[in-house]
mmCIF file of all heavy atoms, coordinates in Angstrom:
data_MODEL
# 
_entry.id   MODEL 
# 
loop_
_atom_site.group_PDB 
_atom_site.id 
_atom_site.type_symbol 
_atom_site.label_atom_id 
_atom_site.label_alt_id 
_atom_site.label_comp_id 
_atom_site.label_asym_id 
_atom_site.label_entity_id 
_atom_site.label_seq_id 
_atom_site.pdbx_PDB_ins_code 
_atom_site.Cartn_x 
_atom_site.Cartn_y 
_atom_site.Cartn_z 
_atom_site.occupancy 
_atom_site.B_iso_or_equiv 
_atom_site.pdbx_formal_charge 
_atom_site.auth_seq_id 
_atom_site.auth_comp_id 
_atom_site.auth_asym_id 
_atom_site.auth_atom_id 
_atom_site.pdbx_PDB_model_num 
ATOM 1   N N   . LEU A 1 1  ? 60.742 172.308 203.519 1.00 0.00 ? 1  LEU A N   1 
ATOM 2   C CA  . LEU A 1 1  ? 59.439 171.756 203.374 1.00 0.00 ? 1  LEU A CA  1 
ATOM 3   C C   . LEU A 1 1  ? 59.264 171.030 202.069 1.00 0.00 ? 1  LEU A C   1 
ATOM 4   O O   . LEU A 1 1  ? 59.469 171.645 201.008 1.00 0.00 ? 1  LEU A O   1 
ATOM 5   C CB  . LEU A 1 1  ? 58.351 172.823 203.564 1.00 0.00 ? 1  LEU A CB  1 
ATOM 6   C CG  . LEU A 1 1  ? 56.930 172.407 203.411 1.00 0.00 ? 1  LEU A CG  1 
ATOM 7   C CD1 . LEU A 1 1  ? 56.531 171.392 204.510 1.00 0.00 ? 1  LEU A CD1 1 
ATOM 8   C CD2 . LEU A 1 1  ? 56.009 173.643 203.453 1.00 0.00 ? 1  LEU A CD2 1 
ATOM 9   N N   . CYS A 1 2  ? 58.845 169.805 202.079 1.00 0.00 ? 2  CYS A N   1 
ATOM 10  C CA  . CYS A 1 2  ? 58.618 169.045 200.829 1.00 0.00 ? 2  CYS A CA  1 
ATOM 11  C C   . CYS A 1 2  ? 57.347 169.597 200.166 1.00 0.00 ? 2  CYS A C   1 
ATOM 12  O O   . CYS A 1 2  ? 56.281 169.620 200.843 1.00 0.00 ? 2  CYS A O   1 
ATOM 13  C CB  . CYS A 1 2  ? 58.502 167.548 201.135 1.00 0.00 ? 2  CYS A CB  1 
ATOM 14  S SG  . CYS A 1 2  ? 58.415 166.548 199.624 1.00 0.00 ? 2  CYS A SG  1 
ATOM 15  N N   . PRO A 1 3  ? 57.419 169.994 198.914 1.00 0.00 ? 3  PRO A N   1 
ATOM 16  C CA  . PRO A 1 3  ? 56.261 170.634 198.286 1.00 0.00 ? 3  PRO A CA  1 
ATOM 17  C C   . PRO A 1 3  ? 55.230 169.679 197.694 1.00 0.00 ? 3  PRO A C   1 
ATOM 18  O O   . PRO A 1 3  ? 54.219 170.140 197.121 1.00 0.00 ? 3  PRO A O   1 
ATOM 19  C CB  . PRO A 1 3  ? 56.906 171.511 197.192 1.00 0.00 ? 3  PRO A CB  1 
ATOM 20  C CG  . PRO A 1 3  ? 58.123 170.715 196.794 1.00 0.00 ? 3  PRO A CG  1 
ATOM 21  C CD  . PRO A 1 3  ? 58.618 170.039 198.058 1.00 0.00 ? 3  PRO A CD  1 
ATOM 22  N N   . TYR A 1 4  ? 55.476 168.385 197.786 1.00 0.00 ? 4  TYR A N   1 
ATOM 23  C CA  . TYR A 1 4  ? 54.564 167.422 197.194 1.00 0.00 ? 4  TYR A CA  1 
ATOM 24  C C   . TYR A 1 4  ? 54.270 166.316 198.172 1.00 0.00 ? 4  TYR A C   1 
ATOM 25  O O   . TYR A 1 4  ? 55.035 166.113 199.149 1.00 0.00 ? 4  TYR A O   1 
ATOM 26  C CB  . TYR A 1 4  ? 55.107 166.838 195.883 1.00 0.00 ? 4  TYR A CB  1 
ATOM 27  C CG  . TYR A 1 4  ? 56.514 166.322 195.981 1.00 0.00 ? 4  TYR A CG  1 
ATOM 28  C CD1 . TYR A 1 4  ? 56.799 165.045 196.517 1.00 0.00 ? 4  TYR A CD1 1 
ATOM 29  C CD2 . TYR A 1 4  ? 57.597 167.157 195.631 1.00 0.00 ? 4  TYR A CD2 1 
ATOM 30  C CE1 . TYR A 1 4  ? 58.122 164.617 196.649 1.00 0.00 ? 4  TYR A CE1 1 
ATOM 31  C CE2 . TYR A 1 4  ? 58.908 166.697 195.769 1.00 0.00 ? 4  TYR A CE2 1 
ATOM 32  C CZ  . TYR A 1 4  ? 59.159 165.446 196.258 1.00 0.00 ? 4  TYR A CZ  1 
ATOM 33  O OH  . TYR A 1 4  ? 60.446 164.961 196.399 1.00 0.00 ? 4  TYR A OH  1 
ATOM 34  N N   . LYS A 1 5  ? 53.177 165.564 197.978 1.00 0.00 ? 5  LYS A N   1 
ATOM 35  C CA  . LYS A 1 5  ? 52.822 164.458 198.868 1.00 0.00 ? 5  LYS A CA  1 
ATOM 36  C C   . LYS A 1 5  ? 53.711 163.243 198.560 1.00 0.00 ? 5  LYS A C   1 
ATOM 37  O O   . LYS A 1 5  ? 53.868 162.854 197.408 1.00 0.00 ? 5  LYS A O   1 
ATOM 38  C CB  . LYS A 1 5  ? 51.341 164.105 198.682 1.00 0.00 ? 5  LYS A CB  1 
ATOM 39  C CG  . LYS A 1 5  ? 50.834 163.071 199.672 1.00 0.00 ? 5  LYS A CG  1 
ATOM 40  C CD  . LYS A 1 5  ? 50.606 163.709 201.022 1.00 0.00 ? 5  LYS A CD  1 
ATOM 41  C CE  . LYS A 1 5  ? 49.972 162.735 202.042 1.00 0.00 ? 5  LYS A CE  1 
ATOM 42  N NZ  . LYS A 1 5  ? 50.889 161.725 202.537 1.00 0.00 ? 5  LYS A NZ  1 
ATOM 43  N N   . THR A 1 6  ? 54.278 162.667 199.556 1.00 0.00 ? 6  THR A N   1 
ATOM 44  C CA  . THR A 1 6  ? 55.164 161.544 199.415 1.00 0.00 ? 6  THR A CA  1 
ATOM 45  C C   . THR A 1 6  ? 55.135 160.673 200.644 1.00 0.00 ? 6  THR A C   1 
ATOM 46  O O   . THR A 1 6  ? 54.721 161.101 201.700 1.00 0.00 ? 6  THR A O   1 
ATOM 47  C CB  . THR A 1 6  ? 56.587 162.001 199.103 1.00 0.00 ? 6  THR A CB  1 
ATOM 48  O OG1 . THR A 1 6  ? 57.434 160.865 198.808 1.00 0.00 ? 6  THR A OG1 1 
ATOM 49  C CG2 . THR A 1 6  ? 57.211 162.774 200.319 1.00 0.00 ? 6  THR A CG2 1 
ATOM 50  N N   . SER A 1 7  ? 55.656 159.445 200.516 1.00 0.00 ? 7  SER A N   1 
ATOM 51  C CA  . SER A 1 7  ? 55.742 158.606 201.661 1.00 0.00 ? 7  SER A CA  1 
ATOM 52  C C   . SER A 1 7  ? 57.042 158.839 202.454 1.00 0.00 ? 7  SER A C   1 
ATOM 53  O O   . SER A 1 7  ? 57.107 158.581 203.634 1.00 0.00 ? 7  SER A O   1 
ATOM 54  C CB  . SER A 1 7  ? 55.716 157.108 201.223 1.00 0.00 ? 7  SER A CB  1 
ATOM 55  O OG  . SER A 1 7  ? 56.805 156.822 200.316 1.00 0.00 ? 7  SER A OG  1 
ATOM 56  N N   . TYR A 1 8  ? 58.048 159.383 201.768 1.00 0.00 ? 8  TYR A N   1 
ATOM 57  C CA  . TYR A 1 8  ? 59.326 159.714 202.384 1.00 0.00 ? 8  TYR A CA  1 
ATOM 58  C C   . TYR A 1 8  ? 60.058 160.636 201.407 1.00 0.00 ? 8  TYR A C   1 
ATOM 59  O O   . TYR A 1 8  ? 60.228 160.338 200.249 1.00 0.00 ? 8  TYR A O   1 
ATOM 60  C CB  . TYR A 1 8  ? 60.144 158.455 202.641 1.00 0.00 ? 8  TYR A CB  1 
ATOM 61  C CG  . TYR A 1 8  ? 61.390 158.677 203.492 1.00 0.00 ? 8  TYR A CG  1 
ATOM 62  C CD1 . TYR A 1 8  ? 61.305 158.830 204.856 1.00 0.00 ? 8  TYR A CD1 1 
ATOM 63  C CD2 . TYR A 1 8  ? 62.687 158.758 202.920 1.00 0.00 ? 8  TYR A CD2 1 
ATOM 64  C CE1 . TYR A 1 8  ? 62.414 159.034 205.658 1.00 0.00 ? 8  TYR A CE1 1 
ATOM 65  C CE2 . TYR A 1 8  ? 63.818 158.912 203.692 1.00 0.00 ? 8  TYR A CE2 1 
ATOM 66  C CZ  . TYR A 1 8  ? 63.678 159.092 205.065 1.00 0.00 ? 8  TYR A CZ  1 
ATOM 67  O OH  . TYR A 1 8  ? 64.843 159.291 205.847 1.00 0.00 ? 8  TYR A OH  1 
ATOM 68  N N   . PRO A 1 9  ? 60.493 161.813 201.907 1.00 0.00 ? 9  PRO A N   1 
ATOM 69  C CA  . PRO A 1 9  ? 61.108 162.771 200.978 1.00 0.00 ? 9  PRO A CA  1 
ATOM 70  C C   . PRO A 1 9  ? 62.513 162.398 200.594 1.00 0.00 ? 9  PRO A C   1 
ATOM 71  O O   . PRO A 1 9  ? 63.221 161.652 201.291 1.00 0.00 ? 9  PRO A O   1 
ATOM 72  C CB  . PRO A 1 9  ? 61.110 164.080 201.798 1.00 0.00 ? 9  PRO A CB  1 
ATOM 73  C CG  . PRO A 1 9  ? 61.169 163.613 203.227 1.00 0.00 ? 9  PRO A CG  1 
ATOM 74  C CD  . PRO A 1 9  ? 60.416 162.325 203.284 1.00 0.00 ? 9  PRO A CD  1 
ATOM 75  N N   . ASN A 1 10 ? 62.951 162.905 199.432 1.00 0.00 ? 10 ASN A N   1 
ATOM 76  C CA  . ASN A 1 10 ? 64.331 162.713 199.040 1.00 0.00 ? 10 ASN A CA  1 
ATOM 77  C C   . ASN A 1 10 ? 65.235 163.639 199.874 1.00 0.00 ? 10 ASN A C   1 
ATOM 78  O O   . ASN A 1 10 ? 64.799 164.345 200.760 1.00 0.00 ? 10 ASN A O   1 
ATOM 79  C CB  . ASN A 1 10 ? 64.522 162.888 197.527 1.00 0.00 ? 10 ASN A CB  1 
ATOM 80  C CG  . ASN A 1 10 ? 64.197 164.329 197.072 1.00 0.00 ? 10 ASN A CG  1 
ATOM 81  O OD1 . ASN A 1 10 ? 64.284 165.270 197.841 1.00 0.00 ? 10 ASN A OD1 1 
ATOM 82  N ND2 . ASN A 1 10 ? 63.809 164.458 195.804 1.00 0.00 ? 10 ASN A ND2 1 
ATOM 83  N N   . ASP A 1 11 ? 66.526 163.676 199.526 1.00 0.00 ? 11 ASP A N   1 
ATOM 84  C CA  . ASP A 1 11 ? 67.507 164.381 200.370 1.00 0.00 ? 11 ASP A CA  1 
ATOM 85  C C   . ASP A 1 11 ? 67.425 165.876 200.257 1.00 0.00 ? 11 ASP A C   1 
ATOM 86  O O   . ASP A 1 11 ? 68.232 166.580 200.886 1.00 0.00 ? 11 ASP A O   1 
ATOM 87  C CB  . ASP A 1 11 ? 68.889 163.880 200.079 1.00 0.00 ? 11 ASP A CB  1 
ATOM 88  C CG  . ASP A 1 11 ? 69.117 162.451 200.497 1.00 0.00 ? 11 ASP A CG  1 
ATOM 89  O OD1 . ASP A 1 11 ? 68.383 161.984 201.393 1.00 0.00 ? 11 ASP A OD1 1 
ATOM 90  O OD2 . ASP A 1 11 ? 70.042 161.785 199.977 1.00 0.00 ? 11 ASP A OD2 1 
ATOM 91  N N   . ASP A 1 12 ? 66.479 166.397 199.515 1.00 0.00 ? 12 ASP A N   1 
ATOM 92  C CA  . ASP A 1 12 ? 66.288 167.878 199.453 1.00 0.00 ? 12 ASP A CA  1 
ATOM 93  C C   . ASP A 1 12 ? 65.351 168.386 200.556 1.00 0.00 ? 12 ASP A C   1 
ATOM 94  O O   . ASP A 1 12 ? 65.360 169.602 200.780 1.00 0.00 ? 12 ASP A O   1 
ATOM 95  C CB  . ASP A 1 12 ? 65.691 168.230 198.088 1.00 0.00 ? 12 ASP A CB  1 
ATOM 96  C CG  . ASP A 1 12 ? 66.669 167.977 196.923 1.00 0.00 ? 12 ASP A CG  1 
ATOM 97  O OD1 . ASP A 1 12 ? 67.861 168.047 197.135 1.00 0.00 ? 12 ASP A OD1 1 
ATOM 98  O OD2 . ASP A 1 12 ? 66.167 167.698 195.800 1.00 0.00 ? 12 ASP A OD2 1 
ATOM 99  N N   . TYR A 1 13 ? 64.615 167.475 201.178 1.00 0.00 ? 13 TYR A N   1 
ATOM 100 C CA  . TYR A 1 13 ? 63.574 167.952 202.114 1.00 0.00 ? 13 TYR A CA  1 
ATOM 101 C C   . TYR A 1 13 ? 63.593 167.181 203.421 1.00 0.00 ? 13 TYR A C   1 
ATOM 102 O O   . TYR A 1 13 ? 63.831 165.944 203.414 1.00 0.00 ? 13 TYR A O   1 
ATOM 103 C CB  . TYR A 1 13 ? 62.218 167.822 201.426 1.00 0.00 ? 13 TYR A CB  1 
ATOM 104 C CG  . TYR A 1 13 ? 62.129 168.490 200.090 1.00 0.00 ? 13 TYR A CG  1 
ATOM 105 C CD1 . TYR A 1 13 ? 62.051 167.718 198.922 1.00 0.00 ? 13 TYR A CD1 1 
ATOM 106 C CD2 . TYR A 1 13 ? 62.181 169.877 200.005 1.00 0.00 ? 13 TYR A CD2 1 
ATOM 107 C CE1 . TYR A 1 13 ? 61.998 168.358 197.656 1.00 0.00 ? 13 TYR A CE1 1 
ATOM 108 C CE2 . TYR A 1 13 ? 62.135 170.519 198.760 1.00 0.00 ? 13 TYR A CE2 1 
ATOM 109 C CZ  . TYR A 1 13 ? 62.035 169.761 197.627 1.00 0.00 ? 13 TYR A CZ  1 
ATOM 110 O OH  . TYR A 1 13 ? 61.979 170.374 196.373 1.00 0.00 ? 13 TYR A OH  1 
ATOM 111 N N   . TYR A 1 14 ? 63.253 167.911 204.541 1.00 0.00 ? 14 TYR A N   1 
ATOM 112 C CA  . TYR A 1 14 ? 63.336 167.283 205.869 1.00 0.00 ? 14 TYR A CA  1 
ATOM 113 C C   . TYR A 1 14 ? 62.126 167.581 206.750 1.00 0.00 ? 14 TYR A C   1 
ATOM 114 O O   . TYR A 1 14 ? 62.128 167.307 207.915 1.00 0.00 ? 14 TYR A O   1 
ATOM 115 C CB  . TYR A 1 14 ? 64.635 167.644 206.529 1.00 0.00 ? 14 TYR A CB  1 
ATOM 116 C CG  . TYR A 1 14 ? 65.826 167.034 205.846 1.00 0.00 ? 14 TYR A CG  1 
ATOM 117 C CD1 . TYR A 1 14 ? 66.482 167.722 204.801 1.00 0.00 ? 14 TYR A CD1 1 
ATOM 118 C CD2 . TYR A 1 14 ? 66.211 165.753 206.142 1.00 0.00 ? 14 TYR A CD2 1 
ATOM 119 C CE1 . TYR A 1 14 ? 67.526 167.143 204.153 1.00 0.00 ? 14 TYR A CE1 1 
ATOM 120 C CE2 . TYR A 1 14 ? 67.275 165.132 205.467 1.00 0.00 ? 14 TYR A CE2 1 
ATOM 121 C CZ  . TYR A 1 14 ? 67.925 165.835 204.480 1.00 0.00 ? 14 TYR A CZ  1 
ATOM 122 O OH  . TYR A 1 14 ? 68.951 165.249 203.780 1.00 0.00 ? 14 TYR A OH  1 
ATOM 123 N N   . LEU A 1 15 ? 61.109 168.220 206.169 1.00 0.00 ? 15 LEU A N   1 
ATOM 124 C CA  . LEU A 1 15 ? 59.819 168.416 206.845 1.00 0.00 ? 15 LEU A CA  1 
ATOM 125 C C   . LEU A 1 15 ? 58.763 168.093 205.858 1.00 0.00 ? 15 LEU A C   1 
ATOM 126 O O   . LEU A 1 15 ? 58.759 168.631 204.720 1.00 0.00 ? 15 LEU A O   1 
ATOM 127 C CB  . LEU A 1 15 ? 59.690 169.880 207.353 1.00 0.00 ? 15 LEU A CB  1 
ATOM 128 C CG  . LEU A 1 15 ? 58.342 170.225 208.031 1.00 0.00 ? 15 LEU A CG  1 
ATOM 129 C CD1 . LEU A 1 15 ? 58.203 169.464 209.347 1.00 0.00 ? 15 LEU A CD1 1 
ATOM 130 C CD2 . LEU A 1 15 ? 58.251 171.731 208.289 1.00 0.00 ? 15 LEU A CD2 1 
ATOM 131 N N   . TYR A 1 16 ? 57.787 167.239 206.237 1.00 0.00 ? 16 TYR A N   1 
ATOM 132 C CA  . TYR A 1 16 ? 56.767 166.799 205.249 1.00 0.00 ? 16 TYR A CA  1 
ATOM 133 C C   . TYR A 1 16 ? 55.516 166.264 205.936 1.00 0.00 ? 16 TYR A C   1 
ATOM 134 O O   . TYR A 1 16 ? 55.534 166.065 207.172 1.00 0.00 ? 16 TYR A O   1 
ATOM 135 C CB  . TYR A 1 16 ? 57.390 165.750 204.305 1.00 0.00 ? 16 TYR A CB  1 
ATOM 136 C CG  . TYR A 1 16 ? 57.555 164.375 204.889 1.00 0.00 ? 16 TYR A CG  1 
ATOM 137 C CD1 . TYR A 1 16 ? 56.881 163.256 204.403 1.00 0.00 ? 16 TYR A CD1 1 
ATOM 138 C CD2 . TYR A 1 16 ? 58.466 164.140 205.899 1.00 0.00 ? 16 TYR A CD2 1 
ATOM 139 C CE1 . TYR A 1 16 ? 57.044 161.983 204.935 1.00 0.00 ? 16 TYR A CE1 1 
ATOM 140 C CE2 . TYR A 1 16 ? 58.710 162.884 206.424 1.00 0.00 ? 16 TYR A CE2 1 
ATOM 141 C CZ  . TYR A 1 16 ? 57.958 161.818 205.956 1.00 0.00 ? 16 TYR A CZ  1 
ATOM 142 O OH  . TYR A 1 16 ? 58.141 160.553 206.464 1.00 0.00 ? 16 TYR A OH  1 
ATOM 143 N N   . TYR A 1 17 ? 54.480 166.059 205.141 1.00 0.00 ? 17 TYR A N   1 
ATOM 144 C CA  . TYR A 1 17 ? 53.260 165.473 205.634 1.00 0.00 ? 17 TYR A CA  1 
ATOM 145 C C   . TYR A 1 17 ? 53.540 163.971 205.752 1.00 0.00 ? 17 TYR A C   1 
ATOM 146 O O   . TYR A 1 17 ? 53.462 163.230 204.794 1.00 0.00 ? 17 TYR A O   1 
ATOM 147 C CB  . TYR A 1 17 ? 52.088 165.728 204.699 1.00 0.00 ? 17 TYR A CB  1 
ATOM 148 C CG  . TYR A 1 17 ? 51.539 167.127 204.702 1.00 0.00 ? 17 TYR A CG  1 
ATOM 149 C CD1 . TYR A 1 17 ? 52.056 168.121 203.852 1.00 0.00 ? 17 TYR A CD1 1 
ATOM 150 C CD2 . TYR A 1 17 ? 50.534 167.498 205.601 1.00 0.00 ? 17 TYR A CD2 1 
ATOM 151 C CE1 . TYR A 1 17 ? 51.570 169.402 203.847 1.00 0.00 ? 17 TYR A CE1 1 
ATOM 152 C CE2 . TYR A 1 17 ? 50.062 168.801 205.610 1.00 0.00 ? 17 TYR A CE2 1 
ATOM 153 C CZ  . TYR A 1 17 ? 50.575 169.730 204.759 1.00 0.00 ? 17 TYR A CZ  1 
ATOM 154 O OH  . TYR A 1 17 ? 50.046 171.018 204.761 1.00 0.00 ? 17 TYR A OH  1 
ATOM 155 N N   . SER A 1 18 ? 53.790 163.523 206.962 1.00 0.00 ? 18 SER A N   1 
ATOM 156 C CA  . SER A 1 18 ? 54.201 162.123 207.150 1.00 0.00 ? 18 SER A CA  1 
ATOM 157 C C   . SER A 1 18 ? 53.039 161.189 207.486 1.00 0.00 ? 18 SER A C   1 
ATOM 158 O O   . SER A 1 18 ? 53.286 160.003 207.624 1.00 0.00 ? 18 SER A O   1 
ATOM 159 C CB  . SER A 1 18 ? 55.272 162.020 208.230 1.00 0.00 ? 18 SER A CB  1 
ATOM 160 O OG  . SER A 1 18 ? 54.733 162.412 209.514 1.00 0.00 ? 18 SER A OG  1 
ATOM 161 N N   . GLY A 1 19 ? 51.842 161.715 207.599 1.00 0.00 ? 19 GLY A N   1 
ATOM 162 C CA  . GLY A 1 19 ? 50.702 160.865 207.860 1.00 0.00 ? 19 GLY A CA  1 
ATOM 163 C C   . GLY A 1 19 ? 49.562 161.112 206.888 1.00 0.00 ? 19 GLY A C   1 
ATOM 164 O O   . GLY A 1 19 ? 49.825 161.341 205.712 1.00 0.00 ? 19 GLY A O   1 
ATOM 165 N N   . SER A 1 20 ? 48.346 161.107 207.415 1.00 0.00 ? 20 SER A N   1 
ATOM 166 C CA  . SER A 1 20 ? 47.160 161.265 206.592 1.00 0.00 ? 20 SER A CA  1 
ATOM 167 C C   . SER A 1 20 ? 46.547 162.644 206.820 1.00 0.00 ? 20 SER A C   1 
ATOM 168 O O   . SER A 1 20 ? 45.356 162.834 206.606 1.00 0.00 ? 20 SER A O   1 
ATOM 169 C CB  . SER A 1 20 ? 46.136 160.208 206.885 1.00 0.00 ? 20 SER A CB  1 
ATOM 170 O OG  . SER A 1 20 ? 46.557 158.925 206.536 1.00 0.00 ? 20 SER A OG  1 
ATOM 171 N N   . GLU A 1 21 ? 47.378 163.642 207.223 1.00 0.00 ? 21 GLU A N   1 
ATOM 172 C CA  . GLU A 1 21 ? 46.818 164.935 207.585 1.00 0.00 ? 21 GLU A CA  1 
ATOM 173 C C   . GLU A 1 21 ? 46.087 165.580 206.417 1.00 0.00 ? 21 GLU A C   1 
ATOM 174 O O   . GLU A 1 21 ? 45.066 166.267 206.617 1.00 0.00 ? 21 GLU A O   1 
ATOM 175 C CB  . GLU A 1 21 ? 47.961 165.854 208.025 1.00 0.00 ? 21 GLU A CB  1 
ATOM 176 C CG  . GLU A 1 21 ? 48.739 165.353 209.247 1.00 0.00 ? 21 GLU A CG  1 
ATOM 177 C CD  . GLU A 1 21 ? 49.903 164.460 208.830 1.00 0.00 ? 21 GLU A CD  1 
ATOM 178 O OE1 . GLU A 1 21 ? 50.072 164.156 207.615 1.00 0.00 ? 21 GLU A OE1 1 
ATOM 179 O OE2 . GLU A 1 21 ? 50.646 164.073 209.727 1.00 0.00 ? 21 GLU A OE2 1 
ATOM 180 N N   . ALA A 1 22 ? 46.585 165.393 205.158 1.00 0.00 ? 22 ALA A N   1 
ATOM 181 C CA  . ALA A 1 22 ? 45.973 166.081 204.004 1.00 0.00 ? 22 ALA A CA  1 
ATOM 182 C C   . ALA A 1 22 ? 44.929 165.252 203.336 1.00 0.00 ? 22 ALA A C   1 
ATOM 183 O O   . ALA A 1 22 ? 44.337 165.684 202.334 1.00 0.00 ? 22 ALA A O   1 
ATOM 184 C CB  . ALA A 1 22 ? 47.070 166.453 203.008 1.00 0.00 ? 22 ALA A CB  1 
ATOM 185 N N   . SER A 1 23 ? 44.661 164.055 203.886 1.00 0.00 ? 23 SER A N   1 
ATOM 186 C CA  . SER A 1 23 ? 43.598 163.210 203.282 1.00 0.00 ? 23 SER A CA  1 
ATOM 187 C C   . SER A 1 23 ? 42.216 163.698 203.689 1.00 0.00 ? 23 SER A C   1 
ATOM 188 O O   . SER A 1 23 ? 42.060 164.659 204.465 1.00 0.00 ? 23 SER A O   1 
ATOM 189 C CB  . SER A 1 23 ? 43.770 161.768 203.764 1.00 0.00 ? 23 SER A CB  1 
ATOM 190 O OG  . SER A 1 23 ? 43.418 161.689 205.145 1.00 0.00 ? 23 SER A OG  1 
ATOM 191 N N   . GLY A 1 24 ? 41.220 163.076 203.109 1.00 0.00 ? 24 GLY A N   1 
ATOM 192 C CA  . GLY A 1 24 ? 39.875 163.427 203.514 1.00 0.00 ? 24 GLY A CA  1 
ATOM 193 C C   . GLY A 1 24 ? 39.628 163.242 205.003 1.00 0.00 ? 24 GLY A C   1 
ATOM 194 O O   . GLY A 1 24 ? 39.002 164.076 205.662 1.00 0.00 ? 24 GLY A O   1 
ATOM 195 N N   . MET A 1 25 ? 40.110 162.108 205.550 1.00 0.00 ? 25 MET A N   1 
ATOM 196 C CA  . MET A 1 25 ? 39.953 161.883 206.963 1.00 0.00 ? 25 MET A CA  1 
ATOM 197 C C   . MET A 1 25 ? 40.672 162.909 207.786 1.00 0.00 ? 25 MET A C   1 
ATOM 198 O O   . MET A 1 25 ? 40.134 163.463 208.737 1.00 0.00 ? 25 MET A O   1 
ATOM 199 C CB  . MET A 1 25 ? 40.502 160.472 207.325 1.00 0.00 ? 25 MET A CB  1 
ATOM 200 C CG  . MET A 1 25 ? 40.492 160.132 208.795 1.00 0.00 ? 25 MET A CG  1 
ATOM 201 S SD  . MET A 1 25 ? 41.861 160.752 209.802 1.00 0.00 ? 25 MET A SD  1 
ATOM 202 C CE  . MET A 1 25 ? 43.159 159.648 209.334 1.00 0.00 ? 25 MET A CE  1 
ATOM 203 N N   . GLY A 1 26 ? 41.907 163.290 207.400 1.00 0.00 ? 26 GLY A N   1 
ATOM 204 C CA  . GLY A 1 26 ? 42.690 164.230 208.158 1.00 0.00 ? 26 GLY A CA  1 
ATOM 205 C C   . GLY A 1 26 ? 42.068 165.626 208.151 1.00 0.00 ? 26 GLY A C   1 
ATOM 206 O O   . GLY A 1 26 ? 42.020 166.307 209.152 1.00 0.00 ? 26 GLY A O   1 
ATOM 207 N N   . ARG A 1 27 ? 41.637 166.054 206.984 1.00 0.00 ? 27 ARG A N   1 
ATOM 208 C CA  . ARG A 1 27 ? 41.017 167.398 206.858 1.00 0.00 ? 27 ARG A CA  1 
ATOM 209 C C   . ARG A 1 27 ? 39.688 167.490 207.592 1.00 0.00 ? 27 ARG A C   1 
ATOM 210 O O   . ARG A 1 27 ? 39.358 168.586 208.060 1.00 0.00 ? 27 ARG A O   1 
ATOM 211 C CB  . ARG A 1 27 ? 40.801 167.720 205.359 1.00 0.00 ? 27 ARG A CB  1 
ATOM 212 C CG  . ARG A 1 27 ? 42.075 167.813 204.634 1.00 0.00 ? 27 ARG A CG  1 
ATOM 213 C CD  . ARG A 1 27 ? 41.888 168.174 203.150 1.00 0.00 ? 27 ARG A CD  1 
ATOM 214 N NE  . ARG A 1 27 ? 43.126 168.131 202.425 1.00 0.00 ? 27 ARG A NE  1 
ATOM 215 C CZ  . ARG A 1 27 ? 43.355 168.796 201.332 1.00 0.00 ? 27 ARG A CZ  1 
ATOM 216 N NH1 . ARG A 1 27 ? 42.437 169.551 200.777 1.00 0.00 ? 27 ARG A NH1 1 
ATOM 217 N NH2 . ARG A 1 27 ? 44.546 168.718 200.725 1.00 0.00 ? 27 ARG A NH2 1 
ATOM 218 N N   . ALA A 1 28 ? 38.994 166.376 207.695 1.00 0.00 ? 28 ALA A N   1 
ATOM 219 C CA  . ALA A 1 28 ? 37.716 166.440 208.462 1.00 0.00 ? 28 ALA A CA  1 
ATOM 220 C C   . ALA A 1 28 ? 38.008 166.683 209.956 1.00 0.00 ? 28 ALA A C   1 
ATOM 221 O O   . ALA A 1 28 ? 37.139 167.202 210.661 1.00 0.00 ? 28 ALA A O   1 
ATOM 222 C CB  . ALA A 1 28 ? 36.924 165.162 208.253 1.00 0.00 ? 28 ALA A CB  1 
ATOM 223 N N   . ALA A 1 29 ? 39.196 166.268 210.399 1.00 0.00 ? 29 ALA A N   1 
ATOM 224 C CA  . ALA A 1 29 ? 39.510 166.424 211.815 1.00 0.00 ? 29 ALA A CA  1 
ATOM 225 C C   . ALA A 1 29 ? 40.091 167.778 212.152 1.00 0.00 ? 29 ALA A C   1 
ATOM 226 O O   . ALA A 1 29 ? 39.759 168.388 213.167 1.00 0.00 ? 29 ALA A O   1 
ATOM 227 C CB  . ALA A 1 29 ? 40.556 165.302 212.209 1.00 0.00 ? 29 ALA A CB  1 
# 
């Protein structure tokens, strides 16, 4: 799991927040 918000993780990580889930819009949903 990538521990920080990014647009694409480096080669250490292969599961991440790939959309707007953690944004204000995502959290409201």
